[in-house]
Amino acid sequence: MCLSIPAKIKSIDGEMAVVSVGGVEYNASLQLIDDACVGEYVLLHTGFALQKISEKDAMETLKIFKEFEELNVQMDEEEKKEGKRII
């Protein structure tokens, strides 16, 4: 299974872009998509922008990722309280 993450294009230089994911910037290849523009959102996977997505879809996906992160933290805290080993 592959996971791609919504990233916002901050700048473009040829076929490469600087994208932002949660405030962290990465270099991303734009070779797989056409007509990318600064400010647009793309799905990022292993350094490649796979496709453009709407800002709405990007925000919804990032919200779900945040909910999973919060759930994971909660589950870790509950396991610590119960004395279970966290793997």
PDB file of N, CA and C in Angstrom:
ATOM      1  N   MET A   1       0.842  -1.170   0.000  1.00  0.00           N
ATOM      2  CA  MET A   1       0.000   0.000   0.000  1.00  0.00           C
ATOM      3  C   MET A   1       0.890   1.237   0.000  1.00  0.00           C
ATOM      4  N   CYS A   2       0.530   2.201  -0.798  1.00  0.00           N
ATOM      5  CA  CYS A   2       1.267   3.459  -0.875  1.00  0.00           C
ATOM      6  C   CYS A   2       0.447   4.567  -0.232  1.00  0.00           C
ATOM      7  N   LEU A   3       1.141   5.511   0.331  1.00  0.00           N
ATOM      8  CA  LEU A   3       0.482   6.646   0.959  1.00  0.00           C
ATOM      9  C   LEU A   3       1.022   7.921   0.338  1.00  0.00           C
ATOM     10  N   SER A   4       0.139   8.759  -0.102  1.00  0.00           N
ATOM     11  CA  SER A   4       0.544  10.074  -0.585  1.00  0.00           C
ATOM     12  C   SER A   4      -0.057  11.119   0.343  1.00  0.00           C
ATOM     13  N   ILE A   5       0.633  12.239   0.451  1.00  0.00           N
ATOM     14  CA  ILE A   5       0.261  13.279   1.401  1.00  0.00           C
ATOM     15  C   ILE A   5       0.009  14.579   0.658  1.00  0.00           C
ATOM     16  N   PRO A   6      -1.058  15.297   0.993  1.00  0.00           N
ATOM     17  CA  PRO A   6      -1.279  16.598   0.359  1.00  0.00           C
ATOM     18  C   PRO A   6      -0.165  17.579   0.715  1.00  0.00           C
ATOM     19  N   ALA A   7       0.338  18.252  -0.303  1.00  0.00           N
ATOM     20  CA  ALA A   7       1.404  19.231  -0.110  1.00  0.00           C
ATOM     21  C   ALA A   7       1.092  20.456  -0.957  1.00  0.00           C
ATOM     22  N   LYS A   8       1.415  21.625  -0.416  1.00  0.00           N
ATOM     23  CA  LYS A   8       1.170  22.879  -1.126  1.00  0.00           C
ATOM     24  C   LYS A   8       2.449  23.320  -1.832  1.00  0.00           C
ATOM     25  N   ILE A   9       2.329  23.663  -3.103  1.00  0.00           N
ATOM     26  CA  ILE A   9       3.483  24.112  -3.870  1.00  0.00           C
ATOM     27  C   ILE A   9       3.857  25.528  -3.433  1.00  0.00           C
ATOM     28  N   LYS A  10       5.105  25.688  -2.977  1.00  0.00           N
ATOM     29  CA  LYS A  10       5.607  26.982  -2.527  1.00  0.00           C
ATOM     30  C   LYS A  10       6.388  27.704  -3.621  1.00  0.00           C
ATOM     31  N   SER A  11       7.155  26.950  -4.407  1.00  0.00           N
ATOM     32  CA  SER A  11       7.914  27.534  -5.513  1.00  0.00           C
ATOM     33  C   SER A  11       8.199  26.450  -6.546  1.00  0.00           C
ATOM     34  N   ILE A  12       8.464  26.901  -7.774  1.00  0.00           N
ATOM     35  CA  ILE A  12       8.737  25.981  -8.876  1.00  0.00           C
ATOM     36  C   ILE A  12       9.993  26.451  -9.594  1.00  0.00           C
ATOM     37  N   ASP A  13      10.867  25.479  -9.905  1.00  0.00           N
ATOM     38  CA  ASP A  13      12.064  25.742 -10.694  1.00  0.00           C
ATOM     39  C   ASP A  13      12.194  24.606 -11.699  1.00  0.00           C
ATOM     40  N   GLY A  14      11.725  24.848 -12.911  1.00  0.00           N
ATOM     41  CA  GLY A  14      11.754  23.807 -13.936  1.00  0.00           C
ATOM     42  C   GLY A  14      10.791  22.684 -13.595  1.00  0.00           C
ATOM     43  N   GLU A  15      11.331  21.456 -13.505  1.00  0.00           N
ATOM     44  CA  GLU A  15      10.502  20.294 -13.177  1.00  0.00           C
ATOM     45  C   GLU A  15      10.515  19.960 -11.691  1.00  0.00           C
ATOM     46  N   MET A  16      11.097  20.842 -10.895  1.00  0.00           N
ATOM     47  CA  MET A  16      11.162  20.628  -9.445  1.00  0.00           C
ATOM     48  C   MET A  16      10.393  21.722  -8.721  1.00  0.00           C
ATOM     49  N   ALA A  17       9.865  21.356  -7.569  1.00  0.00           N
ATOM     50  CA  ALA A  17       9.126  22.315  -6.752  1.00  0.00           C
ATOM     51  C   ALA A  17       9.554  22.162  -5.303  1.00  0.00           C
ATOM     52  N   VAL A  18       9.363  23.223  -4.557  1.00  0.00           N
ATOM     53  CA  VAL A  18       9.446  23.148  -3.101  1.00  0.00           C
ATOM     54  C   VAL A  18       8.001  23.113  -2.637  1.00  0.00           C
ATOM     55  N   VAL A  19       7.670  22.077  -1.858  1.00  0.00           N
ATOM     56  CA  VAL A  19       6.308  21.912  -1.357  1.00  0.00           C
ATOM     57  C   VAL A  19       6.332  21.906   0.160  1.00  0.00           C
ATOM     58  N   SER A  20       5.202  22.245   0.752  1.00  0.00           N
ATOM     59  CA  SER A  20       5.089  22.302   2.202  1.00  0.00           C
ATOM     60  C   SER A  20       4.069  21.285   2.687  1.00  0.00           C
ATOM     61  N   VAL A  21       4.485  20.518   3.679  1.00  0.00           N
ATOM     62  CA  VAL A  21       3.598  19.549   4.335  1.00  0.00           C
ATOM     63  C   VAL A  21       3.681  19.824   5.828  1.00  0.00           C
ATOM     64  N   GLY A  22       2.627  20.347   6.395  1.00  0.00           N
ATOM     65  CA  GLY A  22       2.604  20.626   7.825  1.00  0.00           C
ATOM     66  C   GLY A  22       3.692  21.593   8.264  1.00  0.00           C
ATOM     67  N   GLY A  23       4.045  22.529   7.393  1.00  0.00           N
ATOM     68  CA  GLY A  23       5.059  23.514   7.728  1.00  0.00           C
ATOM     69  C   GLY A  23       6.485  23.078   7.427  1.00  0.00           C
ATOM     70  N   VAL A  24       6.669  21.835   7.011  1.00  0.00           N
ATOM     71  CA  VAL A  24       7.993  21.330   6.644  1.00  0.00           C
ATOM     72  C   VAL A  24       8.089  21.323   5.126  1.00  0.00           C
ATOM     73  N   GLU A  25       9.215  21.818   4.604  1.00  0.00           N
ATOM     74  CA  GLU A  25       9.362  21.916   3.158  1.00  0.00           C
ATOM     75  C   GLU A  25      10.190  20.767   2.602  1.00  0.00           C
ATOM     76  N   TYR A  26       9.783  20.300   1.426  1.00  0.00           N
ATOM     77  CA  TYR A  26      10.439  19.201   0.728  1.00  0.00           C
ATOM     78  C   TYR A  26      10.613  19.582  -0.731  1.00  0.00           C
ATOM     79  N   ASN A  27      11.585  18.948  -1.387  1.00  0.00           N
ATOM     80  CA  ASN A  27      11.715  19.058  -2.831  1.00  0.00           C
ATOM     81  C   ASN A  27      10.846  17.981  -3.454  1.00  0.00           C
ATOM     82  N   ALA A  28      10.176  18.329  -4.551  1.00  0.00           N
ATOM     83  CA  ALA A  28       9.287  17.376  -5.215  1.00  0.00           C
ATOM     84  C   ALA A  28       9.431  17.495  -6.721  1.00  0.00           C
ATOM     85  N   SER A  29       9.466  16.371  -7.383  1.00  0.00           N
ATOM     86  CA  SER A  29       9.497  16.349  -8.835  1.00  0.00           C
ATOM     87  C   SER A  29       8.094  16.593  -9.370  1.00  0.00           C
ATOM     88  N   LEU A  30       7.996  17.431 -10.385  1.00  0.00           N
ATOM     89  CA  LEU A  30       6.707  17.706 -11.045  1.00  0.00           C
ATOM     90  C   LEU A  30       6.589  16.980 -12.383  1.00  0.00           C
ATOM     91  N   GLN A  31       7.468  16.035 -12.651  1.00  0.00           N
ATOM     92  CA  GLN A  31       7.502  15.346 -13.937  1.00  0.00           C
ATOM     93  C   GLN A  31       6.223  14.586 -14.259  1.00  0.00           C
ATOM     94  N   LEU A  32       5.464  14.206 -13.256  1.00  0.00           N
ATOM     95  CA  LEU A  32       4.278  13.375 -13.495  1.00  0.00           C
ATOM     96  C   LEU A  32       2.985  14.164 -13.663  1.00  0.00           C
ATOM     97  N   ILE A  33       3.043  15.486 -13.505  1.00  0.00           N
ATOM     98  CA  ILE A  33       1.832  16.294 -13.637  1.00  0.00           C
ATOM     99  C   ILE A  33       2.071  17.447 -14.608  1.00  0.00           C
ATOM    100  N   ASP A  34       0.993  17.957 -15.164  1.00  0.00           N
ATOM    101  CA  ASP A  34       1.061  19.069 -16.102  1.00  0.00           C
ATOM    102  C   ASP A  34       0.593  20.358 -15.437  1.00  0.00           C
ATOM    103  N   ASP A  35       1.182  21.462 -15.859  1.00  0.00           N
ATOM    104  CA  ASP A  35       0.706  22.804 -15.513  1.00  0.00           C
ATOM    105  C   ASP A  35       0.550  23.057 -14.022  1.00  0.00           C
ATOM    106  N   ALA A  36       1.529  22.659 -13.234  1.00  0.00           N
ATOM    107  CA  ALA A  36       1.482  22.935 -11.801  1.00  0.00           C
ATOM    108  C   ALA A  36       1.778  24.408 -11.563  1.00  0.00           C
ATOM    109  N   CYS A  37       1.111  24.993 -10.584  1.00  0.00           N
ATOM    110  CA  CYS A  37       1.291  26.399 -10.247  1.00  0.00           C
ATOM    111  C   CYS A  37       1.534  26.560  -8.749  1.00  0.00           C
ATOM    112  N   VAL A  38       2.297  27.583  -8.409  1.00  0.00           N
ATOM    113  CA  VAL A  38       2.519  27.920  -7.005  1.00  0.00           C
ATOM    114  C   VAL A  38       1.163  28.161  -6.349  1.00  0.00           C
ATOM    115  N   GLY A  39       0.988  27.618  -5.148  1.00  0.00           N
ATOM    116  CA  GLY A  39      -0.259  27.769  -4.406  1.00  0.00           C
ATOM    117  C   GLY A  39      -1.195  26.588  -4.556  1.00  0.00           C
ATOM    118  N   GLU A  40      -0.975  25.755  -5.569  1.00  0.00           N
ATOM    119  CA  GLU A  40      -1.830  24.577  -5.753  1.00  0.00           C
ATOM    120  C   GLU A  40      -1.385  23.461  -4.810  1.00  0.00           C
ATOM    121  N   TYR A  41      -2.276  22.499  -4.629  1.00  0.00           N
ATOM    122  CA  TYR A  41      -1.980  21.325  -3.819  1.00  0.00           C
ATOM    123  C   TYR A  41      -1.779  20.122  -4.721  1.00  0.00           C
ATOM    124  N   VAL A  42      -0.833  19.279  -4.303  1.00  0.00           N
ATOM    125  CA  VAL A  42      -0.547  18.037  -5.011  1.00  0.00           C
ATOM    126  C   VAL A  42      -0.500  16.905  -4.003  1.00  0.00           C
ATOM    127  N   LEU A  43      -0.657  15.695  -4.495  1.00  0.00           N
ATOM    128  CA  LEU A  43      -0.432  14.522  -3.663  1.00  0.00           C
ATOM    129  C   LEU A  43       1.027  14.137  -3.828  1.00  0.00           C
ATOM    130  N   LEU A  44       1.757  14.084  -2.725  1.00  0.00           N
ATOM    131  CA  LEU A  44       3.195  13.838  -2.725  1.00  0.00           C
ATOM    132  C   LEU A  44       3.478  12.428  -2.242  1.00  0.00           C
ATOM    133  N   HIS A  45       4.297  11.711  -3.010  1.00  0.00           N
ATOM    134  CA  HIS A  45       4.699  10.352  -2.634  1.00  0.00           C
ATOM    135  C   HIS A  45       6.153  10.147  -3.040  1.00  0.00           C
ATOM    136  N   THR A  46       6.994   9.829  -2.101  1.00  0.00           N
ATOM    137  CA  THR A  46       8.421   9.568  -2.304  1.00  0.00           C
ATOM    138  C   THR A  46       9.097  10.608  -3.198  1.00  0.00           C
ATOM    139  N   GLY A  47       8.772  11.864  -2.971  1.00  0.00           N
ATOM    140  CA  GLY A  47       9.432  12.930  -3.699  1.00  0.00           C
ATOM    141  C   GLY A  47       8.832  13.282  -5.046  1.00  0.00           C
ATOM    142  N   PHE A  48       7.718  12.655  -5.387  1.00  0.00           N
ATOM    143  CA  PHE A  48       7.048  12.933  -6.650  1.00  0.00           C
ATOM    144  C   PHE A  48       5.639  13.468  -6.402  1.00  0.00           C
ATOM    145  N   ALA A  49       5.291  14.528  -7.093  1.00  0.00           N
ATOM    146  CA  ALA A  49       3.907  15.004  -7.094  1.00  0.00           C
ATOM    147  C   ALA A  49       3.153  14.103  -8.062  1.00  0.00           C
ATOM    148  N   LEU A  50       2.172  13.369  -7.560  1.00  0.00           N
ATOM    149  CA  LEU A  50       1.460  12.389  -8.386  1.00  0.00           C
ATOM    150  C   LEU A  50       0.300  12.990  -9.158  1.00  0.00           C
ATOM    151  N   GLN A  51      -0.407  13.921  -8.515  1.00  0.00           N
ATOM    152  CA  GLN A  51      -1.535  14.581  -9.161  1.00  0.00           C
ATOM    153  C   GLN A  51      -1.916  15.817  -8.379  1.00  0.00           C
ATOM    154  N   LYS A  52      -2.579  16.736  -9.053  1.00  0.00           N
ATOM    155  CA  LYS A  52      -3.086  17.928  -8.369  1.00  0.00           C
ATOM    156  C   LYS A  52      -4.398  17.570  -7.687  1.00  0.00           C
ATOM    157  N   ILE A  53      -4.663  18.227  -6.552  1.00  0.00           N
ATOM    158  CA  ILE A  53      -5.936  18.060  -5.864  1.00  0.00           C
ATOM    159  C   ILE A  53      -6.430  19.440  -5.444  1.00  0.00           C
ATOM    160  N   SER A  54      -7.709  19.507  -5.165  1.00  0.00           N
ATOM    161  CA  SER A  54      -8.284  20.790  -4.746  1.00  0.00           C
ATOM    162  C   SER A  54      -7.850  21.115  -3.324  1.00  0.00           C
ATOM    163  N   GLU A  55      -7.886  22.386  -2.991  1.00  0.00           N
ATOM    164  CA  GLU A  55      -7.564  22.808  -1.623  1.00  0.00           C
ATOM    165  C   GLU A  55      -8.538  22.171  -0.638  1.00  0.00           C
ATOM    166  N   LYS A  56      -9.796  22.076  -1.024  1.00  0.00           N
ATOM    167  CA  LYS A  56     -10.808  21.466  -0.153  1.00  0.00           C
ATOM    168  C   LYS A  56     -10.442  20.016   0.166  1.00  0.00           C
ATOM    169  N   ASP A  57     -10.100  19.236  -0.869  1.00  0.00           N
ATOM    170  CA  ASP A  57      -9.726  17.843  -0.648  1.00  0.00           C
ATOM    171  C   ASP A  57      -8.449  17.736   0.187  1.00  0.00           C
ATOM    172  N   ALA A  58      -7.501  18.637  -0.064  1.00  0.00           N
ATOM    173  CA  ALA A  58      -6.259  18.633   0.715  1.00  0.00           C
ATOM    174  C   ALA A  58      -6.556  18.885   2.186  1.00  0.00           C
ATOM    175  N   MET A  59      -7.393  19.879   2.473  1.00  0.00           N
ATOM    176  CA  MET A  59      -7.714  20.220   3.864  1.00  0.00           C
ATOM    177  C   MET A  59      -8.468  19.085   4.555  1.00  0.00           C
ATOM    178  N   GLU A  60      -9.381  18.448   3.848  1.00  0.00           N
ATOM    179  CA  GLU A  60     -10.126  17.327   4.436  1.00  0.00           C
ATOM    180  C   GLU A  60      -9.191  16.166   4.753  1.00  0.00           C
ATOM    181  N   THR A  61      -8.270  15.881   3.842  1.00  0.00           N
ATOM    182  CA  THR A  61      -7.328  14.788   4.060  1.00  0.00           C
ATOM    183  C   THR A  61      -6.396  15.098   5.225  1.00  0.00           C
ATOM    184  N   LEU A  62      -5.872  16.320   5.278  1.00  0.00           N
ATOM    185  CA  LEU A  62      -4.993  16.695   6.385  1.00  0.00           C
ATOM    186  C   LEU A  62      -5.723  16.661   7.725  1.00  0.00           C
ATOM    187  N   LYS A  63      -7.010  17.001   7.716  1.00  0.00           N
ATOM    188  CA  LYS A  63      -7.811  16.921   8.938  1.00  0.00           C
ATOM    189  C   LYS A  63      -7.918  15.467   9.420  1.00  0.00           C
ATOM    190  N   ILE A  64      -8.127  14.557   8.490  1.00  0.00           N
ATOM    191  CA  ILE A  64      -8.218  13.135   8.844  1.00  0.00           C
ATOM    192  C   ILE A  64      -6.882  12.642   9.392  1.00  0.00           C
ATOM    193  N   PHE A  65      -5.764  13.036   8.743  1.00  0.00           N
ATOM    194  CA  PHE A  65      -4.442  12.654   9.256  1.00  0.00           C
ATOM    195  C   PHE A  65      -4.254  13.156  10.678  1.00  0.00           C
ATOM    196  N   LYS A  66      -4.683  14.376  10.955  1.00  0.00           N
ATOM    197  CA  LYS A  66      -4.560  14.958  12.302  1.00  0.00           C
ATOM    198  C   LYS A  66      -5.399  14.165  13.306  1.00  0.00           C
ATOM    199  N   GLU A  67      -6.603  13.760  12.892  1.00  0.00           N
ATOM    200  CA  GLU A  67      -7.458  12.962  13.773  1.00  0.00           C
ATOM    201  C   GLU A  67      -6.808  11.614  14.090  1.00  0.00           C
ATOM    202  N   PHE A  68      -6.176  10.989  13.091  1.00  0.00           N
ATOM    203  CA  PHE A  68      -5.474   9.729  13.327  1.00  0.00           C
ATOM    204  C   PHE A  68      -4.309   9.928  14.284  1.00  0.00           C
ATOM    205  N   GLU A  69      -3.584  11.025  14.127  1.00  0.00           N
ATOM    206  CA  GLU A  69      -2.466  11.328  15.013  1.00  0.00           C
ATOM    207  C   GLU A  69      -2.953  11.494  16.447  1.00  0.00           C
ATOM    208  N   GLU A  70      -4.042  12.233  16.629  1.00  0.00           N
ATOM    209  CA  GLU A  70      -4.595  12.432  17.964  1.00  0.00           C
ATOM    210  C   GLU A  70      -5.071  11.121  18.574  1.00  0.00           C
ATOM    211  N   LEU A  71      -5.703  10.275  17.769  1.00  0.00           N
ATOM    212  CA  LEU A  71      -6.158   8.971  18.240  1.00  0.00           C
ATOM    213  C   LEU A  71      -4.973   8.106  18.648  1.00  0.00           C
ATOM    214  N   ASN A  72      -3.916   8.141  17.864  1.00  0.00           N
ATOM    215  CA  ASN A  72      -2.728   7.353  18.182  1.00  0.00           C
ATOM    216  C   ASN A  72      -2.109   7.800  19.504  1.00  0.00           C
ATOM    217  N   VAL A  73      -2.028   9.098  19.725  1.00  0.00           N
ATOM    218  CA  VAL A  73      -1.496   9.618  20.986  1.00  0.00           C
ATOM    219  C   VAL A  73      -2.372   9.166  22.154  1.00  0.00           C
ATOM    220  N   GLN A  74      -3.678   9.249  21.972  1.00  0.00           N
ATOM    221  CA  GLN A  74      -4.615   8.831  23.020  1.00  0.00           C
ATOM    222  C   GLN A  74      -4.441   7.344  23.336  1.00  0.00           C
ATOM    223  N   MET A  75      -4.315   6.530  22.291  1.00  0.00           N
ATOM    224  CA  MET A  75      -4.145   5.094  22.512  1.00  0.00           C
ATOM    225  C   MET A  75      -2.829   4.799  23.219  1.00  0.00           C
ATOM    226  N   ASP A  76      -1.752   5.524  22.860  1.00  0.00           N
ATOM    227  CA  ASP A  76      -0.469   5.341  23.542  1.00  0.00           C
ATOM    228  C   ASP A  76      -0.584   5.679  25.022  1.00  0.00           C
ATOM    229  N   GLU A  77      -1.277   6.776  25.340  1.00  0.00           N
ATOM    230  CA  GLU A  77      -1.447   7.184  26.735  1.00  0.00           C
ATOM    231  C   GLU A  77      -2.248   6.146  27.511  1.00  0.00           C
ATOM    232  N   GLU A  78      -3.285   5.592  26.883  1.00  0.00           N
ATOM    233  CA  GLU A  78      -4.094   4.575  27.560  1.00  0.00           C
ATOM    234  C   GLU A  78      -3.276   3.315  27.808  1.00  0.00           C
ATOM    235  N   GLU A  79      -2.443   2.940  26.843  1.00  0.00           N
ATOM    236  CA  GLU A  79      -1.598   1.753  27.023  1.00  0.00           C
ATOM    237  C   GLU A  79      -0.596   1.971  28.144  1.00  0.00           C
ATOM    238  N   LYS A  80      -0.035   3.174  28.245  1.00  0.00           N
ATOM    239  CA  LYS A  80       0.901   3.474  29.321  1.00  0.00           C
ATOM    240  C   LYS A  80       0.213   3.359  30.676  1.00  0.00           C
ATOM    241  N   LYS A  81      -1.013   3.861  30.776  1.00  0.00           N
ATOM    242  CA  LYS A  81      -1.769   3.800  32.034  1.00  0.00           C
ATOM    243  C   LYS A  81      -2.051   2.356  32.435  1.00  0.00           C
ATOM    244  N   GLU A  82      -2.304   1.511  31.445  1.00  0.00           N
ATOM    245  CA  GLU A  82      -2.604   0.107  31.699  1.00  0.00           C
ATOM    246  C   GLU A  82      -1.360  -0.730  31.866  1.00  0.00           C
ATOM    247  N   GLY A  83      -0.183  -0.121  31.665  1.00  0.00           N
ATOM    248  CA  GLY A  83       1.070  -0.840  31.834  1.00  0.00           C
ATOM    249  C   GLY A  83       1.411  -1.772  30.699  1.00  0.00           C
ATOM    250  N   LYS A  84       0.792  -1.568  29.558  1.00  0.00           N
ATOM    251  CA  LYS A  84       1.078  -2.418  28.405  1.00  0.00           C
ATOM    252  C   LYS A  84       2.327  -1.922  27.694  1.00  0.00           C
ATOM    253  N   ARG A  85       2.982  -2.860  27.071  1.00  0.00           N
ATOM    254  CA  ARG A  85       4.171  -2.529  26.295  1.00  0.00           C
ATOM    255  C   ARG A  85       3.760  -1.930  24.963  1.00  0.00           C
ATOM    256  N   ILE A  86       4.390  -0.804  24.609  1.00  0.00           N
ATOM    257  CA  ILE A  86       4.102  -0.134  23.329  1.00  0.00           C
ATOM    258  C   ILE A  86       5.167  -0.562  22.326  1.00  0.00           C
ATOM    259  N   ILE A  87       4.698  -1.034  21.212  1.00  0.00           N
ATOM    260  CA  ILE A  87       5.619  -1.500  20.176  1.00  0.00           C
ATOM    261  C   ILE A  87       5.752  -0.432  19.123  1.00  0.00           C
TER     262      ILE A  87
END
